[in-house]
N, C-alpha and C. Protein backbone atom coordinates (compact mmCIF):
# COMPACT_ATOMS: atom_id res chain seq x y z
N MET A 1 13.41 -8.39 -13.03
CA MET A 1 11.98 -8.65 -12.97
C MET A 1 11.74 -10.09 -13.41
N ALA A 2 10.87 -10.75 -12.67
CA ALA A 2 10.51 -12.11 -13.02
C ALA A 2 8.99 -12.20 -13.15
N ARG A 3 8.55 -12.69 -14.30
CA ARG A 3 7.12 -12.88 -14.54
C ARG A 3 6.83 -14.36 -14.52
N TYR A 4 5.77 -14.72 -13.84
CA TYR A 4 5.36 -16.12 -13.73
C TYR A 4 3.93 -16.22 -14.24
N SER A 5 3.65 -17.28 -14.95
CA SER A 5 2.27 -17.48 -15.40
C SER A 5 1.99 -18.97 -15.50
N ASN A 6 0.71 -19.30 -15.34
CA ASN A 6 0.25 -20.67 -15.50
C ASN A 6 -1.21 -20.61 -15.91
N ILE A 7 -1.91 -21.72 -15.85
CA ILE A 7 -3.30 -21.74 -16.31
C ILE A 7 -4.22 -20.91 -15.42
N PHE A 8 -3.77 -20.56 -14.19
CA PHE A 8 -4.61 -19.81 -13.26
C PHE A 8 -4.49 -18.30 -13.44
N GLY A 9 -3.37 -17.82 -13.98
CA GLY A 9 -3.15 -16.40 -14.16
C GLY A 9 -1.67 -16.08 -14.20
N ALA A 10 -1.32 -14.87 -13.75
CA ALA A 10 0.08 -14.44 -13.82
C ALA A 10 0.38 -13.47 -12.68
N PHE A 11 1.68 -13.32 -12.39
CA PHE A 11 2.15 -12.36 -11.40
C PHE A 11 3.62 -12.10 -11.64
N GLU A 12 4.13 -11.05 -11.00
CA GLU A 12 5.54 -10.72 -11.08
C GLU A 12 6.10 -10.53 -9.68
N ILE A 13 7.38 -10.83 -9.52
CA ILE A 13 8.10 -10.63 -8.25
C ILE A 13 9.42 -9.95 -8.57
N ASP A 14 9.69 -8.86 -7.87
CA ASP A 14 10.97 -8.16 -7.99
C ASP A 14 11.55 -7.96 -6.60
N SER A 15 12.86 -7.80 -6.52
CA SER A 15 13.49 -7.42 -5.27
C SER A 15 13.36 -5.91 -5.10
N MET A 16 13.13 -5.47 -3.87
CA MET A 16 13.05 -4.04 -3.62
C MET A 16 14.44 -3.43 -3.80
N PRO A 17 14.55 -2.37 -4.58
CA PRO A 17 15.86 -1.72 -4.74
C PRO A 17 16.43 -1.28 -3.39
N GLY A 18 17.68 -1.63 -3.15
CA GLY A 18 18.34 -1.27 -1.90
C GLY A 18 18.01 -2.18 -0.73
N GLN A 19 17.07 -3.09 -0.90
CA GLN A 19 16.69 -4.02 0.17
C GLN A 19 16.29 -5.34 -0.48
N SER A 20 17.27 -6.09 -0.91
CA SER A 20 17.03 -7.26 -1.76
C SER A 20 16.33 -8.42 -1.07
N GLN A 21 16.15 -8.38 0.25
CA GLN A 21 15.43 -9.46 0.94
C GLN A 21 13.93 -9.21 1.00
N VAL A 22 13.49 -8.10 0.42
CA VAL A 22 12.06 -7.79 0.37
C VAL A 22 11.56 -8.03 -1.05
N ALA A 23 10.57 -8.90 -1.18
CA ALA A 23 9.95 -9.19 -2.47
C ALA A 23 8.84 -8.17 -2.72
N VAL A 24 8.87 -7.56 -3.88
CA VAL A 24 7.79 -6.66 -4.30
C VAL A 24 6.94 -7.44 -5.29
N CYS A 25 5.74 -7.78 -4.87
CA CYS A 25 4.84 -8.59 -5.69
C CYS A 25 3.85 -7.67 -6.39
N HIS A 26 3.69 -7.88 -7.69
CA HIS A 26 2.80 -7.01 -8.45
C HIS A 26 2.28 -7.72 -9.69
N SER A 27 1.37 -7.05 -10.36
CA SER A 27 0.78 -7.55 -11.63
C SER A 27 0.10 -8.90 -11.44
N PHE A 28 -0.50 -9.12 -10.28
CA PHE A 28 -1.24 -10.35 -9.99
C PHE A 28 -2.57 -10.28 -10.71
N VAL A 29 -2.82 -11.22 -11.60
CA VAL A 29 -4.07 -11.17 -12.37
C VAL A 29 -4.58 -12.58 -12.66
N VAL A 30 -5.86 -12.74 -12.45
CA VAL A 30 -6.58 -13.94 -12.86
C VAL A 30 -7.50 -13.49 -14.00
N PRO A 31 -7.42 -14.13 -15.16
CA PRO A 31 -8.27 -13.71 -16.28
C PRO A 31 -9.75 -13.67 -15.87
N GLU A 32 -10.44 -12.69 -16.38
CA GLU A 32 -11.83 -12.47 -15.99
C GLU A 32 -12.69 -13.73 -16.11
N GLU A 33 -12.48 -14.51 -17.15
CA GLU A 33 -13.30 -15.71 -17.35
C GLU A 33 -13.01 -16.80 -16.31
N ASN A 34 -11.89 -16.66 -15.56
CA ASN A 34 -11.53 -17.65 -14.54
C ASN A 34 -11.83 -17.19 -13.12
N ARG A 35 -12.37 -16.01 -12.96
CA ARG A 35 -12.63 -15.48 -11.62
C ARG A 35 -13.82 -16.17 -10.97
N GLY A 36 -13.78 -16.26 -9.64
CA GLY A 36 -14.87 -16.88 -8.89
C GLY A 36 -14.79 -18.39 -8.83
N LYS A 37 -13.67 -18.97 -9.26
CA LYS A 37 -13.49 -20.42 -9.29
C LYS A 37 -12.42 -20.90 -8.31
N GLY A 38 -11.88 -19.97 -7.50
CA GLY A 38 -10.82 -20.35 -6.56
C GLY A 38 -9.43 -20.29 -7.14
N TYR A 39 -9.31 -19.91 -8.40
CA TYR A 39 -7.99 -19.87 -9.04
C TYR A 39 -7.08 -18.81 -8.44
N GLY A 40 -7.66 -17.73 -7.92
CA GLY A 40 -6.85 -16.70 -7.28
C GLY A 40 -6.11 -17.25 -6.07
N HIS A 41 -6.77 -18.09 -5.29
CA HIS A 41 -6.14 -18.71 -4.12
C HIS A 41 -5.02 -19.65 -4.56
N THR A 42 -5.27 -20.40 -5.62
CA THR A 42 -4.25 -21.31 -6.15
C THR A 42 -3.05 -20.53 -6.67
N LEU A 43 -3.31 -19.46 -7.40
CA LEU A 43 -2.23 -18.63 -7.94
C LEU A 43 -1.44 -17.98 -6.81
N LYS A 44 -2.13 -17.53 -5.76
CA LYS A 44 -1.44 -16.91 -4.63
C LYS A 44 -0.54 -17.93 -3.92
N ALA A 45 -1.00 -19.15 -3.78
CA ALA A 45 -0.18 -20.20 -3.18
C ALA A 45 1.08 -20.44 -4.01
N TYR A 46 0.93 -20.42 -5.32
CA TYR A 46 2.06 -20.58 -6.24
C TYR A 46 3.04 -19.42 -6.06
N GLN A 47 2.49 -18.20 -5.95
CA GLN A 47 3.34 -17.02 -5.76
C GLN A 47 4.08 -17.10 -4.42
N ASP A 48 3.36 -17.44 -3.36
CA ASP A 48 4.00 -17.53 -2.05
C ASP A 48 5.08 -18.60 -2.02
N ALA A 49 4.86 -19.70 -2.71
CA ALA A 49 5.88 -20.75 -2.80
C ALA A 49 7.13 -20.22 -3.50
N GLU A 50 6.94 -19.47 -4.56
CA GLU A 50 8.06 -18.91 -5.30
C GLU A 50 8.84 -17.91 -4.44
N ILE A 51 8.13 -17.13 -3.62
CA ILE A 51 8.79 -16.20 -2.70
C ILE A 51 9.69 -17.00 -1.74
N GLY A 52 9.19 -18.12 -1.24
CA GLY A 52 9.99 -18.98 -0.36
C GLY A 52 11.17 -19.60 -1.07
N ILE A 53 10.97 -20.07 -2.28
CA ILE A 53 12.06 -20.67 -3.05
C ILE A 53 13.18 -19.66 -3.27
N GLN A 54 12.81 -18.40 -3.45
CA GLN A 54 13.81 -17.35 -3.68
C GLN A 54 14.41 -16.81 -2.38
N HIS A 55 13.99 -17.36 -1.24
CA HIS A 55 14.54 -17.03 0.09
C HIS A 55 14.37 -15.57 0.48
N TYR A 56 13.25 -14.96 0.11
CA TYR A 56 12.96 -13.61 0.59
C TYR A 56 12.59 -13.68 2.07
N ASP A 57 12.83 -12.58 2.80
CA ASP A 57 12.46 -12.51 4.21
C ASP A 57 11.10 -11.86 4.43
N PHE A 58 10.68 -11.00 3.49
CA PHE A 58 9.43 -10.27 3.63
C PHE A 58 8.91 -10.00 2.22
N ALA A 59 7.59 -9.94 2.10
CA ALA A 59 6.96 -9.65 0.80
C ALA A 59 5.92 -8.55 0.98
N ILE A 60 5.82 -7.68 -0.01
CA ILE A 60 4.82 -6.62 0.02
C ILE A 60 4.08 -6.58 -1.32
N CYS A 61 2.88 -6.02 -1.27
CA CYS A 61 2.12 -5.76 -2.48
C CYS A 61 1.12 -4.65 -2.20
N THR A 62 0.55 -4.09 -3.23
CA THR A 62 -0.51 -3.11 -3.09
C THR A 62 -1.79 -3.69 -3.66
N VAL A 63 -2.91 -3.17 -3.16
CA VAL A 63 -4.21 -3.61 -3.66
C VAL A 63 -5.16 -2.42 -3.57
N ALA A 64 -6.02 -2.28 -4.56
CA ALA A 64 -7.04 -1.25 -4.51
C ALA A 64 -7.98 -1.56 -3.34
N ALA A 65 -8.29 -0.55 -2.52
CA ALA A 65 -9.10 -0.77 -1.32
C ALA A 65 -10.45 -1.41 -1.63
N GLN A 66 -11.01 -1.14 -2.79
CA GLN A 66 -12.32 -1.68 -3.14
C GLN A 66 -12.25 -3.10 -3.72
N ASN A 67 -11.06 -3.67 -3.86
CA ASN A 67 -10.91 -5.00 -4.45
C ASN A 67 -11.05 -6.07 -3.36
N ALA A 68 -12.29 -6.36 -3.00
CA ALA A 68 -12.58 -7.31 -1.92
C ALA A 68 -12.05 -8.71 -2.22
N ARG A 69 -12.12 -9.15 -3.45
CA ARG A 69 -11.65 -10.50 -3.79
C ARG A 69 -10.16 -10.65 -3.54
N GLN A 70 -9.37 -9.66 -3.99
CA GLN A 70 -7.93 -9.77 -3.80
C GLN A 70 -7.58 -9.68 -2.32
N LYS A 71 -8.27 -8.85 -1.57
CA LYS A 71 -8.00 -8.75 -0.13
C LYS A 71 -8.35 -10.05 0.58
N ARG A 72 -9.38 -10.72 0.14
CA ARG A 72 -9.75 -12.03 0.72
C ARG A 72 -8.65 -13.06 0.44
N ILE A 73 -8.15 -13.07 -0.78
CA ILE A 73 -7.06 -13.98 -1.14
C ILE A 73 -5.84 -13.72 -0.27
N LEU A 74 -5.48 -12.45 -0.09
CA LEU A 74 -4.33 -12.10 0.74
C LEU A 74 -4.54 -12.54 2.19
N THR A 75 -5.72 -12.28 2.73
CA THR A 75 -6.02 -12.64 4.11
C THR A 75 -5.92 -14.15 4.33
N VAL A 76 -6.53 -14.91 3.45
CA VAL A 76 -6.49 -16.38 3.55
C VAL A 76 -5.05 -16.89 3.48
N ALA A 77 -4.21 -16.21 2.68
CA ALA A 77 -2.82 -16.64 2.51
C ALA A 77 -1.91 -16.15 3.64
N GLY A 78 -2.47 -15.45 4.62
CA GLY A 78 -1.67 -15.04 5.77
C GLY A 78 -1.00 -13.68 5.64
N TRP A 79 -1.37 -12.92 4.63
CA TRP A 79 -0.86 -11.57 4.49
C TRP A 79 -1.65 -10.65 5.41
N ARG A 80 -1.07 -9.48 5.73
CA ARG A 80 -1.80 -8.54 6.58
C ARG A 80 -1.73 -7.13 6.01
N HIS A 81 -2.78 -6.38 6.27
CA HIS A 81 -2.86 -4.99 5.84
C HIS A 81 -1.89 -4.17 6.68
N LEU A 82 -1.03 -3.39 6.02
CA LEU A 82 -0.03 -2.58 6.72
C LEU A 82 -0.44 -1.12 6.83
N THR A 83 -0.94 -0.54 5.74
CA THR A 83 -1.35 0.86 5.74
C THR A 83 -2.17 1.15 4.49
N SER A 84 -2.79 2.30 4.47
CA SER A 84 -3.57 2.76 3.31
C SER A 84 -3.17 4.18 2.98
N PHE A 85 -3.34 4.56 1.73
CA PHE A 85 -3.08 5.94 1.33
C PHE A 85 -3.96 6.32 0.15
N ARG A 86 -4.18 7.60 0.02
CA ARG A 86 -4.94 8.14 -1.11
C ARG A 86 -4.01 8.20 -2.30
N ASN A 87 -4.33 7.46 -3.34
CA ASN A 87 -3.50 7.37 -4.54
C ASN A 87 -3.88 8.51 -5.49
N ARG A 88 -2.95 9.44 -5.70
CA ARG A 88 -3.25 10.60 -6.55
C ARG A 88 -3.40 10.22 -8.02
N ARG A 89 -2.79 9.11 -8.43
CA ARG A 89 -2.93 8.69 -9.83
C ARG A 89 -4.31 8.12 -10.11
N THR A 90 -4.80 7.26 -9.20
CA THR A 90 -6.09 6.61 -9.42
C THR A 90 -7.26 7.34 -8.76
N CYS A 91 -6.93 8.30 -7.88
CA CYS A 91 -7.95 9.02 -7.09
C CYS A 91 -8.77 8.05 -6.24
N GLU A 92 -8.17 6.96 -5.85
CA GLU A 92 -8.80 5.95 -5.01
C GLU A 92 -7.86 5.65 -3.84
N THR A 93 -8.32 4.84 -2.92
CA THR A 93 -7.48 4.42 -1.80
C THR A 93 -6.74 3.15 -2.19
N THR A 94 -5.44 3.15 -1.93
CA THR A 94 -4.58 1.99 -2.18
C THR A 94 -4.10 1.48 -0.83
N GLU A 95 -4.06 0.17 -0.69
CA GLU A 95 -3.59 -0.45 0.54
C GLU A 95 -2.26 -1.15 0.29
N LEU A 96 -1.39 -1.10 1.30
CA LEU A 96 -0.13 -1.82 1.27
C LEU A 96 -0.28 -3.02 2.19
N TRP A 97 0.01 -4.21 1.66
CA TRP A 97 -0.09 -5.46 2.41
C TRP A 97 1.29 -6.09 2.48
N GLY A 98 1.51 -6.92 3.50
CA GLY A 98 2.80 -7.58 3.64
C GLY A 98 2.70 -8.92 4.36
N ARG A 99 3.77 -9.67 4.23
CA ARG A 99 3.85 -10.97 4.90
C ARG A 99 5.31 -11.29 5.18
N GLU A 100 5.60 -11.60 6.44
CA GLU A 100 6.94 -12.05 6.79
C GLU A 100 7.05 -13.51 6.39
N GLU A 101 8.14 -13.84 5.76
CA GLU A 101 8.34 -15.21 5.32
C GLU A 101 8.92 -16.04 6.46
N THR A 102 8.36 -17.21 6.66
CA THR A 102 8.90 -18.11 7.67
C THR A 102 9.74 -19.15 6.96
N VAL A 103 10.96 -19.28 7.43
CA VAL A 103 11.91 -20.18 6.79
C VAL A 103 12.22 -21.31 7.76
N THR A 104 12.06 -22.52 7.29
CA THR A 104 12.46 -23.69 8.07
C THR A 104 13.97 -23.84 7.94
N LYS A 105 14.64 -23.91 9.07
CA LYS A 105 16.10 -23.99 9.04
C LYS A 105 16.55 -25.26 8.32
N ASP A 106 17.45 -25.07 7.39
CA ASP A 106 18.04 -26.17 6.63
C ASP A 106 19.12 -26.81 7.47
N LYS A 107 18.89 -28.02 7.97
CA LYS A 107 19.84 -28.68 8.85
C LYS A 107 20.90 -29.49 8.08
N SER A 108 20.83 -29.46 6.78
CA SER A 108 21.78 -30.25 5.98
C SER A 108 23.20 -29.66 6.05
N HIS A 109 23.33 -28.41 6.50
CA HIS A 109 24.64 -27.78 6.56
C HIS A 109 25.25 -27.78 7.95
N GLU A 110 24.61 -28.47 8.90
CA GLU A 110 25.11 -28.51 10.27
C GLU A 110 26.08 -29.65 10.47
């Protein structure tokens, strides 16, 4: 497990067990006093950059269906909604989002 934090907030990235090229992104949080200032978009860009640095091929995360701000951040960052399900723990709808990572071929090894 890797936790990242900066002045904008924090998040974690783990490899999916049994499928190490899939990044499982979770615990994305912008402190309440910093919300509505665009910091979520900045933090998401930082997270997406870290996913690229770690050479993942695909990334997934979950979001509460009613969390419009987080869904907006994901949409702007190029993530897409994959599916939804009724979460028995929260008694709410949870959405699964994902993004295929685009890798620029490193020509230094040719």
